[in-house]
Amino acid sequence: MPQGFDINWIAVLLVGGVGFGAVVGVFVTSYILAPKRPSEIKDTPYECGIPPTPFAWSQIQIRYYVFAILFVIFDVEAVFLFPWAVVFMNLKSTAPAVFYEMLVFIGILFFGVIYGWRKGVLQWR
């Protein structure tokens, strides 16, 4: 091991120990200082402010999830598209290949939108 590396590891271990001790100290302090008043209401599960009932059946609307998935897909597309545009402007030699790769990517996403549109997923009833 080269000279001086042992000092750097001691600093890392020291900082890690201080950080771990701080986290444990905060948890212990919170446990000691927190008020403890147990009750039956605190032991019941919390469901969005609605008191739990013995049996409550409701139909799940799947279209909310489909819209959420479509949003995530196109949000990810935007995450990939903007940095690609910045890098594409600086490329010289491999520009045509990178351009056509992005066209294929956008084409696949466009096919997904058309497929969802034809299936009636994007229609809100």
C-alpha atoms as a PDB file:
ATOM      1  CA  MET A   1       0.000   0.000   0.000  1.00  0.00           C
ATOM      2  CA  PRO A   2       1.444   3.409  -0.943  1.00  0.00           C
ATOM      3  CA  GLN A   3       2.402   5.847   1.754  1.00  0.00           C
ATOM      4  CA  GLY A   4      -0.404   8.026   3.171  1.00  0.00           C
ATOM      5  CA  PHE A   5      -3.422   5.904   2.160  1.00  0.00           C
ATOM      6  CA  ASP A   6      -3.928   4.586   5.692  1.00  0.00           C
ATOM      7  CA  ILE A   7      -4.618   8.125   6.920  1.00  0.00           C
ATOM      8  CA  ASN A   8      -7.379   8.580   4.312  1.00  0.00           C
ATOM      9  CA  TRP A   9      -9.082   5.330   5.388  1.00  0.00           C
ATOM     10  CA  ILE A  10      -8.946   6.373   9.026  1.00  0.00           C
ATOM     11  CA  ALA A  11     -10.755   9.600   8.088  1.00  0.00           C
ATOM     12  CA  VAL A  12     -13.395   7.654   6.161  1.00  0.00           C
ATOM     13  CA  LEU A  13     -13.973   5.265   9.052  1.00  0.00           C
ATOM     14  CA  LEU A  14     -14.099   8.154  11.517  1.00  0.00           C
ATOM     15  CA  VAL A  15     -16.676  10.068   9.474  1.00  0.00           C
ATOM     16  CA  GLY A  16     -18.728   6.880   8.984  1.00  0.00           C
ATOM     17  CA  GLY A  17     -18.663   6.181  12.716  1.00  0.00           C
ATOM     18  CA  VAL A  18     -19.696   9.738  13.579  1.00  0.00           C
ATOM     19  CA  GLY A  19     -22.532   9.565  11.019  1.00  0.00           C
ATOM     20  CA  PHE A  20     -23.754   6.207  12.331  1.00  0.00           C
ATOM     21  CA  GLY A  21     -23.548   7.485  15.908  1.00  0.00           C
ATOM     22  CA  ALA A  22     -25.546  10.599  14.975  1.00  0.00           C
ATOM     23  CA  VAL A  23     -28.312   8.503  13.386  1.00  0.00           C
ATOM     24  CA  VAL A  24     -28.484   6.179  16.401  1.00  0.00           C
ATOM     25  CA  GLY A  25     -28.443   9.179  18.731  1.00  0.00           C
ATOM     26  CA  VAL A  26     -31.376  10.820  16.949  1.00  0.00           C
ATOM     27  CA  PHE A  27     -33.424   7.601  17.124  1.00  0.00           C
ATOM     28  CA  VAL A  28     -32.647   7.081  20.818  1.00  0.00           C
ATOM     29  CA  THR A  29     -33.453  10.719  21.644  1.00  0.00           C
ATOM     30  CA  SER A  30     -36.733  10.486  19.750  1.00  0.00           C
ATOM     31  CA  TYR A  31     -37.652   7.278  21.575  1.00  0.00           C
ATOM     32  CA  ILE A  32     -36.892   8.823  24.959  1.00  0.00           C
ATOM     33  CA  LEU A  33     -38.583  12.211  24.409  1.00  0.00           C
ATOM     34  CA  ALA A  34     -41.638  11.102  22.383  1.00  0.00           C
ATOM     35  CA  PRO A  35     -44.929  11.094  24.287  1.00  0.00           C
ATOM     36  CA  LYS A  36     -46.332   7.616  24.834  1.00  0.00           C
ATOM     37  CA  ARG A  37     -50.125   7.511  25.135  1.00  0.00           C
ATOM     38  CA  PRO A  38     -51.363   4.200  23.727  1.00  0.00           C
ATOM     39  CA  SER A  39     -54.988   4.040  22.617  1.00  0.00           C
ATOM     40  CA  GLU A  40     -57.269   1.811  20.575  1.00  0.00           C
ATOM     41  CA  ILE A  41     -57.651   4.434  17.849  1.00  0.00           C
ATOM     42  CA  LYS A  42     -53.886   4.579  17.310  1.00  0.00           C
ATOM     43  CA  ASP A  43     -53.808   0.811  16.762  1.00  0.00           C
ATOM     44  CA  THR A  44     -56.344   0.844  13.905  1.00  0.00           C
ATOM     45  CA  PRO A  45     -55.064   0.917  10.321  1.00  0.00           C
ATOM     46  CA  TYR A  46     -55.273   4.287   8.569  1.00  0.00           C
ATOM     47  CA  GLU A  47     -56.892   4.264   5.143  1.00  0.00           C
ATOM     48  CA  CYS A  48     -57.000   7.815   3.757  1.00  0.00           C
ATOM     49  CA  GLY A  49     -59.096   9.142   6.619  1.00  0.00           C
ATOM     50  CA  ILE A  50     -61.871   6.581   6.117  1.00  0.00           C
ATOM     51  CA  PRO A  51     -62.582   4.391   9.146  1.00  0.00           C
ATOM     52  CA  PRO A  52     -62.081   0.711   8.301  1.00  0.00           C
ATOM     53  CA  THR A  53     -65.202  -1.403   7.857  1.00  0.00           C
ATOM     54  CA  PRO A  54     -65.538  -5.164   8.136  1.00  0.00           C
ATOM     55  CA  PHE A  55     -66.229  -5.603   4.421  1.00  0.00           C
ATOM     56  CA  ALA A  56     -66.072  -2.888   1.800  1.00  0.00           C
ATOM     57  CA  TRP A  57     -65.946  -4.068  -1.803  1.00  0.00           C
ATOM     58  CA  SER A  58     -65.354  -1.554  -4.534  1.00  0.00           C
ATOM     59  CA  GLN A  59     -64.485  -1.861  -8.171  1.00  0.00           C
ATOM     60  CA  ILE A  60     -61.063  -0.588  -9.168  1.00  0.00           C
ATOM     61  CA  GLN A  61     -60.969   1.733 -12.158  1.00  0.00           C
ATOM     62  CA  ILE A  62     -58.072   0.452 -14.247  1.00  0.00           C
ATOM     63  CA  ARG A  63     -58.026   3.503 -16.521  1.00  0.00           C
ATOM     64  CA  TYR A  64     -56.274   5.558 -13.829  1.00  0.00           C
ATOM     65  CA  TYR A  65     -53.400   3.092 -13.857  1.00  0.00           C
ATOM     66  CA  VAL A  66     -53.272   3.016 -17.659  1.00  0.00           C
ATOM     67  CA  PHE A  67     -53.014   6.800 -17.775  1.00  0.00           C
ATOM     68  CA  ALA A  68     -50.305   6.683 -15.098  1.00  0.00           C
ATOM     69  CA  ILE A  69     -48.324   4.102 -17.086  1.00  0.00           C
ATOM     70  CA  LEU A  70     -48.661   6.152 -20.278  1.00  0.00           C
ATOM     71  CA  PHE A  71     -47.473   9.234 -18.392  1.00  0.00           C
ATOM     72  CA  VAL A  72     -44.437   7.364 -17.085  1.00  0.00           C
ATOM     73  CA  ILE A  73     -43.614   6.063 -20.566  1.00  0.00           C
ATOM     74  CA  PHE A  74     -43.661   9.516 -22.121  1.00  0.00           C
ATOM     75  CA  ASP A  75     -41.914  11.067 -19.151  1.00  0.00           C
ATOM     76  CA  VAL A  76     -39.083   8.578 -19.641  1.00  0.00           C
ATOM     77  CA  GLU A  77     -39.092   9.448 -23.333  1.00  0.00           C
ATOM     78  CA  ALA A  78     -38.548  13.104 -22.458  1.00  0.00           C
ATOM     79  CA  VAL A  79     -35.751  12.150 -20.065  1.00  0.00           C
ATOM     80  CA  PHE A  80     -33.966  10.351 -22.909  1.00  0.00           C
ATOM     81  CA  LEU A  81     -34.831  12.813 -25.666  1.00  0.00           C
ATOM     82  CA  PHE A  82     -33.480  16.074 -24.230  1.00  0.00           C
ATOM     83  CA  PRO A  83     -29.970  14.856 -23.325  1.00  0.00           C
ATOM     84  CA  TRP A  84     -29.804  13.028 -26.661  1.00  0.00           C
ATOM     85  CA  ALA A  85     -30.524  16.294 -28.491  1.00  0.00           C
ATOM     86  CA  VAL A  86     -27.720  18.064 -26.632  1.00  0.00           C
ATOM     87  CA  VAL A  87     -25.221  15.282 -27.348  1.00  0.00           C
ATOM     88  CA  PHE A  88     -26.400  14.934 -30.954  1.00  0.00           C
ATOM     89  CA  MET A  89     -25.522  18.571 -31.646  1.00  0.00           C
ATOM     90  CA  ASN A  90     -21.881  17.903 -30.678  1.00  0.00           C
ATOM     91  CA  LEU A  91     -21.431  14.638 -32.623  1.00  0.00           C
ATOM     92  CA  LYS A  92     -19.726  14.698 -35.993  1.00  0.00           C
ATOM     93  CA  SER A  93     -18.675  11.196 -37.087  1.00  0.00           C
ATOM     94  CA  THR A  94     -21.478   8.956 -35.777  1.00  0.00           C
ATOM     95  CA  ALA A  95     -24.315  11.458 -36.224  1.00  0.00           C
ATOM     96  CA  PRO A  96     -26.355   9.501 -38.821  1.00  0.00           C
ATOM     97  CA  ALA A  97     -26.366   6.280 -36.784  1.00  0.00           C
ATOM     98  CA  VAL A  98     -27.348   8.066 -33.575  1.00  0.00           C
ATOM     99  CA  PHE A  99     -30.080   9.977 -35.413  1.00  0.00           C
ATOM    100  CA  TYR A 100     -31.653   6.820 -36.836  1.00  0.00           C
ATOM    101  CA  GLU A 101     -31.454   5.060 -33.467  1.00  0.00           C
ATOM    102  CA  MET A 102     -33.496   7.862 -31.928  1.00  0.00           C
ATOM    103  CA  LEU A 103     -35.964   7.705 -34.802  1.00  0.00           C
ATOM    104  CA  VAL A 104     -36.474   3.997 -34.066  1.00  0.00           C
ATOM    105  CA  PHE A 105     -36.991   4.806 -30.364  1.00  0.00           C
ATOM    106  CA  ILE A 106     -39.564   7.508 -31.129  1.00  0.00           C
ATOM    107  CA  GLY A 107     -41.211   5.230 -33.703  1.00  0.00           C
ATOM    108  CA  ILE A 108     -41.703   2.484 -31.103  1.00  0.00           C
ATOM    109  CA  LEU A 109     -43.274   4.985 -28.700  1.00  0.00           C
ATOM    110  CA  PHE A 110     -45.472   6.379 -31.476  1.00  0.00           C
ATOM    111  CA  PHE A 111     -46.615   2.836 -32.301  1.00  0.00           C
ATOM    112  CA  GLY A 112     -47.540   2.405 -28.624  1.00  0.00           C
ATOM    113  CA  VAL A 113     -49.671   5.567 -28.677  1.00  0.00           C
ATOM    114  CA  ILE A 114     -51.432   4.499 -31.866  1.00  0.00           C
ATOM    115  CA  TYR A 115     -52.035   1.019 -30.416  1.00  0.00           C
ATOM    116  CA  GLY A 116     -53.495   2.477 -27.212  1.00  0.00           C
ATOM    117  CA  TRP A 117     -55.607   4.916 -29.197  1.00  0.00           C
ATOM    118  CA  ARG A 118     -57.025   2.157 -31.413  1.00  0.00           C
ATOM    119  CA  LYS A 119     -57.819   0.003 -28.370  1.00  0.00           C
ATOM    120  CA  GLY A 120     -59.752   2.902 -26.812  1.00  0.00           C
ATOM    121  CA  VAL A 121     -57.438   3.298 -23.831  1.00  0.00           C
ATOM    122  CA  LEU A 122     -57.135   7.053 -24.259  1.00  0.00           C
ATOM    123  CA  GLN A 123     -60.904   7.662 -24.254  1.00  0.00           C
ATOM    124  CA  TRP A 124     -62.289   8.796 -20.930  1.00  0.00           C
ATOM    125  CA  ARG A 125     -65.855   7.582 -20.405  1.00  0.00           C
END
